[in-house]
Amino acid sequence: MIQEEKITLQTDTGESVDFYVLEETRINGMNYLMVTDSGEDEDGECYILKDVSCQEDQDAVYEFVENDSELEYLFGIFTELLDGSGVEIQR
């Protein structure tokens, strides 16, 4: 099992939401995270986040990837990156 890093994101309404980072990658100059809403050894939902920060932002700014073709492409990459890590990903 891989070591998961916990991050806390704030919604537009100011609510704090915790996610656990399963993997991160950089593609075409963009940073992406695959995160889950559950901790180690628990089943949970996976999400792919894109870093949309500007240079002047003090903190990283992420948004959920919602474009179906982008999600499909990134899912394939993250599946390969996590192969052999003990993390099982299902669509």
Protein backbone atom coordinates (compact mmCIF):
# COMPACT_ATOMS: atom_id res chain seq x y z
CA MET A 1 0.00 0.00 0.00
CA ILE A 2 1.25 3.48 -0.80
CA GLN A 3 1.59 6.21 1.81
CA GLU A 4 -1.28 8.67 1.42
CA GLU A 5 -0.89 12.39 1.99
CA LYS A 6 -3.92 14.17 3.42
CA ILE A 7 -4.88 17.55 1.98
CA THR A 8 -7.68 19.89 2.97
CA LEU A 9 -9.49 21.89 0.33
CA GLN A 10 -11.91 24.74 0.86
CA THR A 11 -15.11 24.91 -1.14
CA ASP A 12 -16.51 28.15 -2.55
CA THR A 13 -18.71 28.35 0.55
CA GLY A 14 -15.72 28.09 2.91
CA GLU A 15 -16.35 24.49 3.97
CA SER A 16 -13.22 22.37 4.54
CA VAL A 17 -13.09 18.97 2.82
CA ASP A 18 -10.35 16.38 3.41
CA PHE A 19 -8.93 14.23 0.63
CA TYR A 20 -6.11 11.70 0.51
CA VAL A 21 -3.67 11.95 -2.38
CA LEU A 22 -3.17 8.61 -4.12
CA GLU A 23 -0.91 9.87 -6.92
CA GLU A 24 0.17 13.03 -8.68
CA THR A 25 1.53 13.70 -12.15
CA ARG A 26 2.40 16.53 -14.52
CA ILE A 27 1.13 16.38 -18.11
CA ASN A 28 1.58 19.09 -20.74
CA GLY A 29 2.60 21.60 -18.07
CA MET A 30 -0.42 20.93 -15.84
CA ASN A 31 -0.31 19.29 -12.41
CA TYR A 32 -2.95 16.67 -11.59
CA LEU A 33 -3.84 14.80 -8.40
CA MET A 34 -5.82 11.61 -7.99
CA VAL A 35 -7.48 11.83 -4.58
CA THR A 36 -9.95 9.83 -2.55
CA ASP A 37 -12.36 10.83 0.18
CA SER A 38 -11.44 7.82 2.37
CA GLY A 39 -8.30 6.95 4.27
CA GLU A 40 -6.03 3.96 3.95
CA ASP A 41 -7.70 0.53 3.67
CA GLU A 42 -11.16 2.06 3.21
CA ASP A 43 -13.32 2.10 0.10
CA GLY A 44 -14.06 5.56 -1.22
CA GLU A 45 -14.71 7.68 -4.25
CA CYS A 46 -11.78 8.81 -6.42
CA TYR A 47 -11.51 12.22 -8.02
CA ILE A 48 -9.00 13.83 -10.35
CA LEU A 49 -8.06 17.41 -9.57
CA LYS A 50 -6.29 19.90 -11.82
CA ASP A 51 -4.03 22.63 -10.41
CA VAL A 52 -5.34 25.90 -11.85
CA SER A 53 -3.18 28.16 -9.65
CA CYS A 54 -1.72 31.40 -10.92
CA GLN A 55 1.79 32.47 -10.00
CA GLU A 56 0.41 35.13 -7.65
CA ASP A 57 -1.68 32.58 -5.68
CA GLN A 58 -0.19 31.84 -2.25
CA ASP A 59 -1.91 28.45 -2.04
CA ALA A 60 -2.58 25.88 -4.73
CA VAL A 61 -5.98 26.17 -6.38
CA TYR A 62 -7.55 22.93 -7.62
CA GLU A 63 -10.69 22.17 -9.56
CA PHE A 64 -12.34 18.85 -10.30
CA VAL A 65 -11.73 17.56 -13.82
CA GLU A 66 -15.19 17.22 -15.35
CA ASN A 67 -14.50 16.92 -19.09
CA ASP A 68 -15.24 13.29 -20.02
CA SER A 69 -12.44 12.89 -22.57
CA GLU A 70 -9.89 14.51 -20.24
CA LEU A 71 -11.08 12.30 -17.36
CA GLU A 72 -10.82 9.16 -19.50
CA TYR A 73 -7.28 10.04 -20.59
CA LEU A 74 -6.13 10.91 -17.05
CA PHE A 75 -7.79 7.82 -15.56
CA GLY A 76 -5.69 5.65 -17.88
CA ILE A 77 -2.50 7.42 -16.85
CA PHE A 78 -3.26 7.22 -13.13
CA THR A 79 -4.20 3.54 -13.49
CA GLU A 80 -0.75 2.85 -14.96
CA LEU A 81 0.99 4.93 -12.30
CA LEU A 82 -0.79 3.07 -9.50
CA ASP A 83 -0.27 -0.39 -11.02
CA GLY A 84 1.37 -2.62 -8.40
CA SER A 85 0.80 -0.14 -5.56
CA GLY A 86 -1.98 -2.13 -3.90
CA VAL A 87 -4.62 0.48 -4.76
CA GLU A 88 -7.58 -0.92 -6.67
CA ILE A 89 -9.38 1.59 -8.88
CA GLN A 90 -12.76 0.89 -10.42
CA ARG A 91 -14.83 3.06 -12.73
